[in-house]
């Protein structure tokens, strides 16, 4: 009996790790992780509970593929990428919560499932989204937006890689995210960006030498 309980606990822990990894990927791109999850379901590598049985449907695959393509393309449009960050922040939290809930075990109580989805899933997505917003803001300030395509490419690639790894090696991804969270808390990139802006605003340009009339 204890073996069965241990196995159940381990399955719950694994599903939570998968959910947190997918949620973190939603912080990079909202629709890429659900697309990866949908493809995994179509391939038979993932099974969904009754509430999320639609995740491996052809309609979901087409919808997520179209949404992911539009999202990726929109982030390559100058200045639109910064505007999208204000929308992507709450969208990433919602997507992270829903994506993580979709992979939690069907035997988990609804209260526990949605509590974990909101706290762990939404929190992971929000934390990653915050770091990407700071990175894009710094790129816009330093390059005038011309270097933002590098950030956008890194985000799309990162979302894909993390989503795939979350399904293949969830333990490694989970502990990697824990280490990243510790680094973000220690460094506080949002505070660093504000301090950088404050220093630039207080710096005055050097005054030109006075020319004395002859």
C-alpha atoms as a PDB file:
ATOM      1  CA  UNK A   1       0.000   0.000   0.000  1.00  0.00           C
ATOM      2  CA  UNK A   2       2.800   2.423   0.844  1.00  0.00           C
ATOM      3  CA  UNK A   3       4.377   1.711  -2.548  1.00  0.00           C
ATOM      4  CA  UNK A   4       1.163   2.691  -4.315  1.00  0.00           C
ATOM      5  CA  UNK A   5       0.901   5.877  -2.292  1.00  0.00           C
ATOM      6  CA  UNK A   6       4.514   6.726  -3.087  1.00  0.00           C
ATOM      7  CA  UNK A   7       3.901   6.131  -6.784  1.00  0.00           C
ATOM      8  CA  UNK A   8       0.802   8.354  -6.692  1.00  0.00           C
ATOM      9  CA  UNK A   9       2.748  11.112  -4.980  1.00  0.00           C
ATOM     10  CA  UNK A  10       5.548  10.769  -7.510  1.00  0.00           C
ATOM     11  CA  UNK A  11       3.112  10.997 -10.410  1.00  0.00           C
ATOM     12  CA  UNK A  12       1.593  14.135  -8.913  1.00  0.00           C
ATOM     13  CA  UNK A  13       5.055  15.638  -8.432  1.00  0.00           C
ATOM     14  CA  UNK A  14       6.017  14.819 -12.015  1.00  0.00           C
ATOM     15  CA  UNK A  15       2.826  16.346 -13.398  1.00  0.00           C
ATOM     16  CA  UNK A  16       3.454  19.489 -11.379  1.00  0.00           C
ATOM     17  CA  UNK A  17       7.011  19.703 -12.729  1.00  0.00           C
ATOM     18  CA  UNK A  18       5.740  19.285 -16.293  1.00  0.00           C
ATOM     19  CA  UNK A  19       3.094  21.931 -15.687  1.00  0.00           C
ATOM     20  CA  UNK A  20       5.538  24.427 -14.208  1.00  0.00           C
ATOM     21  CA  UNK A  21       7.962  23.898 -17.103  1.00  0.00           C
ATOM     22  CA  UNK A  22       5.244  24.455 -19.699  1.00  0.00           C
ATOM     23  CA  UNK A  23       3.988  27.487 -17.778  1.00  0.00           C
ATOM     24  CA  UNK A  24       7.453  29.013 -17.723  1.00  0.00           C
ATOM     25  CA  UNK A  25       7.629  28.555 -21.488  1.00  0.00           C
ATOM     26  CA  UNK A  26       4.351  30.505 -21.733  1.00  0.00           C
ATOM     27  CA  UNK A  27       6.255  33.437 -20.248  1.00  0.00           C
ATOM     28  CA  UNK A  28       8.340  33.539 -23.438  1.00  0.00           C
ATOM     29  CA  UNK A  29       5.483  32.934 -25.889  1.00  0.00           C
ATOM     30  CA  UNK A  30       1.857  32.402 -24.951  1.00  0.00           C
ATOM     31  CA  UNK A  31       0.827  29.984 -27.701  1.00  0.00           C
ATOM     32  CA  UNK A  32       3.962  27.930 -28.397  1.00  0.00           C
ATOM     33  CA  UNK A  33       3.734  25.716 -25.262  1.00  0.00           C
ATOM     34  CA  UNK A  34       0.052  24.805 -25.847  1.00  0.00           C
ATOM     35  CA  UNK A  35       0.973  24.002 -29.464  1.00  0.00           C
ATOM     36  CA  UNK A  36       3.808  21.715 -28.321  1.00  0.00           C
ATOM     37  CA  UNK A  37       1.471  20.103 -25.800  1.00  0.00           C
ATOM     38  CA  UNK A  38      -1.194  19.609 -28.467  1.00  0.00           C
ATOM     39  CA  UNK A  39       1.321  17.963 -30.806  1.00  0.00           C
ATOM     40  CA  UNK A  40       2.443  15.673 -27.971  1.00  0.00           C
ATOM     41  CA  UNK A  41      -1.176  14.722 -27.377  1.00  0.00           C
ATOM     42  CA  UNK A  42      -1.755  14.007 -31.065  1.00  0.00           C
ATOM     43  CA  UNK A  43       1.364  11.829 -31.088  1.00  0.00           C
ATOM     44  CA  UNK A  44       0.109   9.848 -28.097  1.00  0.00           C
ATOM     45  CA  UNK A  45       2.763  11.066 -25.664  1.00  0.00           C
ATOM     46  CA  UNK A  46       0.273  12.964 -23.491  1.00  0.00           C
ATOM     47  CA  UNK A  47      -3.178  12.117 -22.207  1.00  0.00           C
ATOM     48  CA  UNK A  48      -5.612  14.749 -21.008  1.00  0.00           C
ATOM     49  CA  UNK A  49      -8.445  14.589 -18.551  1.00  0.00           C
ATOM     50  CA  UNK A  50     -12.084  15.110 -19.497  1.00  0.00           C
ATOM     51  CA  UNK A  51     -11.857  18.877 -18.957  1.00  0.00           C
ATOM     52  CA  UNK A  52      -9.001  19.203 -21.468  1.00  0.00           C
ATOM     53  CA  UNK A  53      -9.834  16.411 -23.910  1.00  0.00           C
ATOM     54  CA  UNK A  54     -10.090  19.020 -26.667  1.00  0.00           C
ATOM     55  CA  UNK A  55      -6.342  19.712 -26.383  1.00  0.00           C
ATOM     56  CA  UNK A  56      -5.426  16.924 -28.811  1.00  0.00           C
ATOM     57  CA  UNK A  57      -8.135  17.713 -31.375  1.00  0.00           C
ATOM     58  CA  UNK A  58      -7.454  18.834 -34.938  1.00  0.00           C
ATOM     59  CA  UNK A  59      -9.243  22.116 -34.265  1.00  0.00           C
ATOM     60  CA  UNK A  60      -6.960  22.870 -31.299  1.00  0.00           C
ATOM     61  CA  UNK A  61      -3.884  22.002 -33.364  1.00  0.00           C
ATOM     62  CA  UNK A  62      -4.917  24.378 -36.166  1.00  0.00           C
ATOM     63  CA  UNK A  63      -5.899  27.139 -33.742  1.00  0.00           C
ATOM     64  CA  UNK A  64      -2.690  26.954 -31.696  1.00  0.00           C
ATOM     65  CA  UNK A  65      -0.537  26.765 -34.839  1.00  0.00           C
ATOM     66  CA  UNK A  66      -2.177  29.876 -36.306  1.00  0.00           C
ATOM     67  CA  UNK A  67      -2.043  31.788 -33.027  1.00  0.00           C
ATOM     68  CA  UNK A  68       1.614  30.878 -32.451  1.00  0.00           C
ATOM     69  CA  UNK A  69       2.560  31.960 -35.992  1.00  0.00           C
ATOM     70  CA  UNK A  70       0.801  35.319 -35.609  1.00  0.00           C
ATOM     71  CA  UNK A  71       2.349  35.874 -32.187  1.00  0.00           C
ATOM     72  CA  UNK A  72       5.869  35.111 -33.397  1.00  0.00           C
ATOM     73  CA  UNK A  73       5.473  37.369 -36.436  1.00  0.00           C
ATOM     74  CA  UNK A  74       4.025  40.254 -34.438  1.00  0.00           C
ATOM     75  CA  UNK A  75       7.089  40.418 -32.210  1.00  0.00           C
ATOM     76  CA  UNK A  76       9.264  41.209 -35.240  1.00  0.00           C
ATOM     77  CA  UNK A  77       7.324  44.405 -35.989  1.00  0.00           C
ATOM     78  CA  UNK A  78       9.226  47.400 -34.544  1.00  0.00           C
ATOM     79  CA  UNK A  79       7.568  49.077 -31.547  1.00  0.00           C
ATOM     80  CA  UNK A  80       4.648  46.659 -31.694  1.00  0.00           C
ATOM     81  CA  UNK A  81       6.702  44.196 -29.674  1.00  0.00           C
ATOM     82  CA  UNK A  82       6.887  46.591 -26.714  1.00  0.00           C
ATOM     83  CA  UNK A  83       3.155  47.248 -26.931  1.00  0.00           C
ATOM     84  CA  UNK A  84       2.443  43.521 -26.964  1.00  0.00           C
ATOM     85  CA  UNK A  85       4.331  43.062 -23.703  1.00  0.00           C
ATOM     86  CA  UNK A  86       1.593  44.946 -21.839  1.00  0.00           C
ATOM     87  CA  UNK A  87      -0.953  42.458 -23.196  1.00  0.00           C
ATOM     88  CA  UNK A  88       1.274  39.396 -23.013  1.00  0.00           C
ATOM     89  CA  UNK A  89       1.912  39.753 -19.280  1.00  0.00           C
ATOM     90  CA  UNK A  90      -1.619  38.882 -18.080  1.00  0.00           C
ATOM     91  CA  UNK A  91      -2.141  36.544 -21.051  1.00  0.00           C
ATOM     92  CA  UNK A  92       0.983  34.580 -20.121  1.00  0.00           C
ATOM     93  CA  UNK A  93      -0.229  34.155 -16.532  1.00  0.00           C
ATOM     94  CA  UNK A  94      -3.619  32.851 -17.703  1.00  0.00           C
ATOM     95  CA  UNK A  95      -2.009  30.594 -20.328  1.00  0.00           C
ATOM     96  CA  UNK A  96       0.465  29.280 -17.774  1.00  0.00           C
ATOM     97  CA  UNK A  97      -2.309  28.410 -15.332  1.00  0.00           C
ATOM     98  CA  UNK A  98      -4.445  26.692 -17.975  1.00  0.00           C
ATOM     99  CA  UNK A  99      -1.522  24.814 -19.523  1.00  0.00           C
ATOM    100  CA  UNK A 100      -0.304  23.505 -16.191  1.00  0.00           C
ATOM    101  CA  UNK A 101      -3.842  22.479 -15.171  1.00  0.00           C
ATOM    102  CA  UNK A 102      -4.206  20.511 -18.385  1.00  0.00           C
ATOM    103  CA  UNK A 103      -1.322  18.177 -17.488  1.00  0.00           C
ATOM    104  CA  UNK A 104      -2.138  17.678 -13.819  1.00  0.00           C
ATOM    105  CA  UNK A 105      -3.373  14.191 -13.012  1.00  0.00           C
ATOM    106  CA  UNK A 106      -7.066  13.493 -13.370  1.00  0.00           C
ATOM    107  CA  UNK A 107      -7.127  12.007  -9.841  1.00  0.00           C
ATOM    108  CA  UNK A 108      -6.090  15.339  -8.332  1.00  0.00           C
ATOM    109  CA  UNK A 109      -8.858  17.206  -6.569  1.00  0.00           C
ATOM    110  CA  UNK A 110     -10.170  20.250  -8.494  1.00  0.00           C
ATOM    111  CA  UNK A 111      -9.316  22.580  -5.616  1.00  0.00           C
ATOM    112  CA  UNK A 112      -5.705  21.394  -5.479  1.00  0.00           C
ATOM    113  CA  UNK A 113      -5.394  21.346  -9.269  1.00  0.00           C
ATOM    114  CA  UNK A 114      -6.486  24.928  -9.814  1.00  0.00           C
ATOM    115  CA  UNK A 115      -4.661  26.211  -6.744  1.00  0.00           C
ATOM    116  CA  UNK A 116      -1.397  24.738  -8.020  1.00  0.00           C
ATOM    117  CA  UNK A 117      -2.167  25.928 -11.534  1.00  0.00           C
ATOM    118  CA  UNK A 118      -2.766  29.502 -10.396  1.00  0.00           C
ATOM    119  CA  UNK A 119       0.154  29.707  -7.959  1.00  0.00           C
ATOM    120  CA  UNK A 120       2.835  27.562  -9.588  1.00  0.00           C
ATOM    121  CA  UNK A 121       1.781  27.786 -13.228  1.00  0.00           C
ATOM    122  CA  UNK A 122       0.700  31.400 -13.298  1.00  0.00           C
ATOM    123  CA  UNK A 123       3.600  32.439 -11.084  1.00  0.00           C
ATOM    124  CA  UNK A 124       6.209  30.762 -13.292  1.00  0.00           C
ATOM    125  CA  UNK A 125       4.763  32.314 -16.439  1.00  0.00           C
ATOM    126  CA  UNK A 126       4.574  35.755 -14.853  1.00  0.00           C
ATOM    127  CA  UNK A 127       8.147  35.608 -13.567  1.00  0.00           C
ATOM    128  CA  UNK A 128       9.554  34.648 -16.970  1.00  0.00           C
ATOM    129  CA  UNK A 129       7.405  37.256 -18.700  1.00  0.00           C
ATOM    130  CA  UNK A 130       8.800  39.915 -16.374  1.00  0.00           C
ATOM    131  CA  UNK A 131      12.384  39.037 -17.315  1.00  0.00           C
ATOM    132  CA  UNK A 132      11.575  39.146 -21.050  1.00  0.00           C
ATOM    133  CA  UNK A 133       9.899  42.540 -20.656  1.00  0.00           C
ATOM    134  CA  UNK A 134      12.977  43.881 -18.892  1.00  0.00           C
ATOM    135  CA  UNK A 135      15.258  42.424 -21.581  1.00  0.00           C
ATOM    136  CA  UNK A 136      13.206  43.987 -24.380  1.00  0.00           C
ATOM    137  CA  UNK A 137      13.078  47.308 -22.552  1.00  0.00           C
ATOM    138  CA  UNK A 138      16.848  47.326 -22.160  1.00  0.00           C
ATOM    139  CA  UNK A 139      17.279  46.405 -25.827  1.00  0.00           C
ATOM    140  CA  UNK A 140      14.942  49.211 -26.890  1.00  0.00           C
ATOM    141  CA  UNK A 141      16.806  51.711 -24.731  1.00  0.00           C
ATOM    142  CA  UNK A 142      20.252  50.648 -25.924  1.00  0.00           C
ATOM    143  CA  UNK A 143      19.563  50.019 -29.617  1.00  0.00           C
ATOM    144  CA  UNK A 144      16.465  52.109 -30.258  1.00  0.00           C
ATOM    145  CA  UNK A 145      14.543  48.916 -31.023  1.00  0.00           C
ATOM    146  CA  UNK A 146      16.837  47.740 -33.826  1.00  0.00           C
ATOM    147  CA  UNK A 147      18.178  44.895 -31.696  1.00  0.00           C
ATOM    148  CA  UNK A 148      14.803  43.691 -30.450  1.00  0.00           C
ATOM    149  CA  UNK A 149      14.622  41.010 -33.117  1.00  0.00           C
ATOM    150  CA  UNK A 150      17.417  39.194 -31.293  1.00  0.00           C
ATOM    151  CA  UNK A 151      15.371  39.189 -28.090  1.00  0.00           C
ATOM    152  CA  UNK A 152      12.261  38.062 -29.998  1.00  0.00           C
ATOM    153  CA  UNK A 153      14.135  35.210 -31.658  1.00  0.00           C
ATOM    154  CA  UNK A 154      15.596  34.098 -28.338  1.00  0.00           C
ATOM    155  CA  UNK A 155      12.144  34.124 -26.752  1.00  0.00           C
ATOM    156  CA  UNK A 156      10.580  32.006 -29.500  1.00  0.00           C
ATOM    157  CA  UNK A 157      13.443  29.511 -29.441  1.00  0.00           C
ATOM    158  CA  UNK A 158      13.437  29.447 -25.645  1.00  0.00           C
ATOM    159  CA  UNK A 159       9.690  28.809 -25.490  1.00  0.00           C
ATOM    160  CA  UNK A 160      10.005  25.884 -27.900  1.00  0.00           C
ATOM    161  CA  UNK A 161      13.017  24.292 -26.223  1.00  0.00           C
ATOM    162  CA  UNK A 162      11.682  24.642 -22.679  1.00  0.00           C
ATOM    163  CA  UNK A 163       8.249  23.305 -23.673  1.00  0.00           C
ATOM    164  CA  UNK A 164       9.790  20.247 -25.315  1.00  0.00           C
ATOM    165  CA  UNK A 165      12.219  19.624 -22.463  1.00  0.00           C
ATOM    166  CA  UNK A 166       9.416  20.019 -19.922  1.00  0.00           C
ATOM    167  CA  UNK A 167       7.759  16.988 -21.494  1.00  0.00           C
ATOM    168  CA  UNK A 168      10.978  14.975 -21.884  1.00  0.00           C
ATOM    169  CA  UNK A 169      13.053  15.844 -18.790  1.00  0.00           C
ATOM    170  CA  UNK A 170      10.684  17.709 -16.448  1.00  0.00           C
ATOM    171  CA  UNK A 171      12.877  17.268 -13.374  1.00  0.00           C
ATOM    172  CA  UNK A 172      15.849  18.977 -15.040  1.00  0.00           C
ATOM    173  CA  UNK A 173      13.698  21.839 -16.306  1.00  0.00           C
ATOM    174  CA  UNK A 174      12.020  22.292 -12.933  1.00  0.00           C
ATOM    175  CA  UNK A 175      15.248  22.611 -10.968  1.00  0.00           C
ATOM    176  CA  UNK A 176      16.696  24.834 -13.677  1.00  0.00           C
ATOM    177  CA  UNK A 177      13.715  27.146 -13.252  1.00  0.00           C
ATOM    178  CA  UNK A 178      14.181  27.135  -9.485  1.00  0.00           C
ATOM    179  CA  UNK A 179      17.775  28.264  -9.954  1.00  0.00           C
ATOM    180  CA  UNK A 180      16.656  30.928 -12.444  1.00  0.00           C
ATOM    181  CA  UNK A 181      14.029  32.172  -9.997  1.00  0.00           C
ATOM    182  CA  UNK A 182      16.662  32.483  -7.304  1.00  0.00           C
ATOM    183  CA  UNK A 183      18.892  34.465  -9.637  1.00  0.00           C
ATOM    184  CA  UNK A 184      16.038  36.803 -10.618  1.00  0.00           C
ATOM    185  CA  UNK A 185      15.163  37.426  -6.978  1.00  0.00           C
ATOM    186  CA  UNK A 186      18.814  38.078  -6.161  1.00  0.00           C
ATOM    187  CA  UNK A 187      19.526  40.365  -9.097  1.00  0.00           C
ATOM    188  CA  UNK A 188      16.063  41.975  -9.407  1.00  0.00           C
ATOM    189  CA  UNK A 189      16.398  42.980 -13.094  1.00  0.00           C
ATOM    190  CA  UNK A 190      13.364  45.286 -12.958  1.00  0.00           C
ATOM    191  CA  UNK A 191      14.993  47.362 -10.211  1.00  0.00           C
ATOM    192  CA  UNK A 192      18.260  47.406 -12.158  1.00  0.00           C
ATOM    193  CA  UNK A 193      16.467  48.715 -15.252  1.00  0.00           C
ATOM    194  CA  UNK A 194      14.767  51.478 -13.256  1.00  0.00           C
ATOM    195  CA  UNK A 195      18.097  52.502 -11.744  1.00  0.00           C
ATOM    196  CA  UNK A 196      19.664  52.537 -15.210  1.00  0.00           C
ATOM    197  CA  UNK A 197      16.887  54.807 -16.517  1.00  0.00           C
ATOM    198  CA  UNK A 198      17.208  57.081 -13.485  1.00  0.00           C
ATOM    199  CA  UNK A 199      20.942  57.501 -14.032  1.00  0.00           C
ATOM    200  CA  UNK A 200      20.422  58.376 -17.702  1.00  0.00           C
ATOM    201  CA  UNK A 201      17.744  60.933 -16.867  1.00  0.00           C
ATOM    202  CA  UNK A 202      19.881  62.672 -14.244  1.00  0.00           C
ATOM    203  CA  UNK A 203      22.947  62.883 -16.454  1.00  0.00           C
ATOM    204  CA  UNK A 204      23.140  66.290 -18.099  1.00  0.00           C
ATOM    205  CA  UNK A 205      24.959  66.849 -21.368  1.00  0.00           C
ATOM    206  CA  UNK A 206      28.242  68.641 -21.140  1.00  0.00           C
ATOM    207  CA  UNK A 207      27.775  72.399 -21.578  1.00  0.00           C
ATOM    208  CA  UNK A 208      29.385  74.062 -24.555  1.00  0.00           C
ATOM    209  CA  UNK A 209      32.185  76.518 -23.814  1.00  0.00           C
ATOM    210  CA  UNK A 210      31.163  80.161 -23.818  1.00  0.00           C
ATOM    211  CA  UNK A 211      32.360  82.150 -26.779  1.00  0.00           C
ATOM    212  CA  UNK A 212      33.363  85.613 -25.719  1.00  0.00           C
ATOM    213  CA  UNK A 213      32.546  88.381 -28.055  1.00  0.00           C
ATOM    214  CA  UNK A 214      35.521  90.107 -29.541  1.00  0.00           C
END
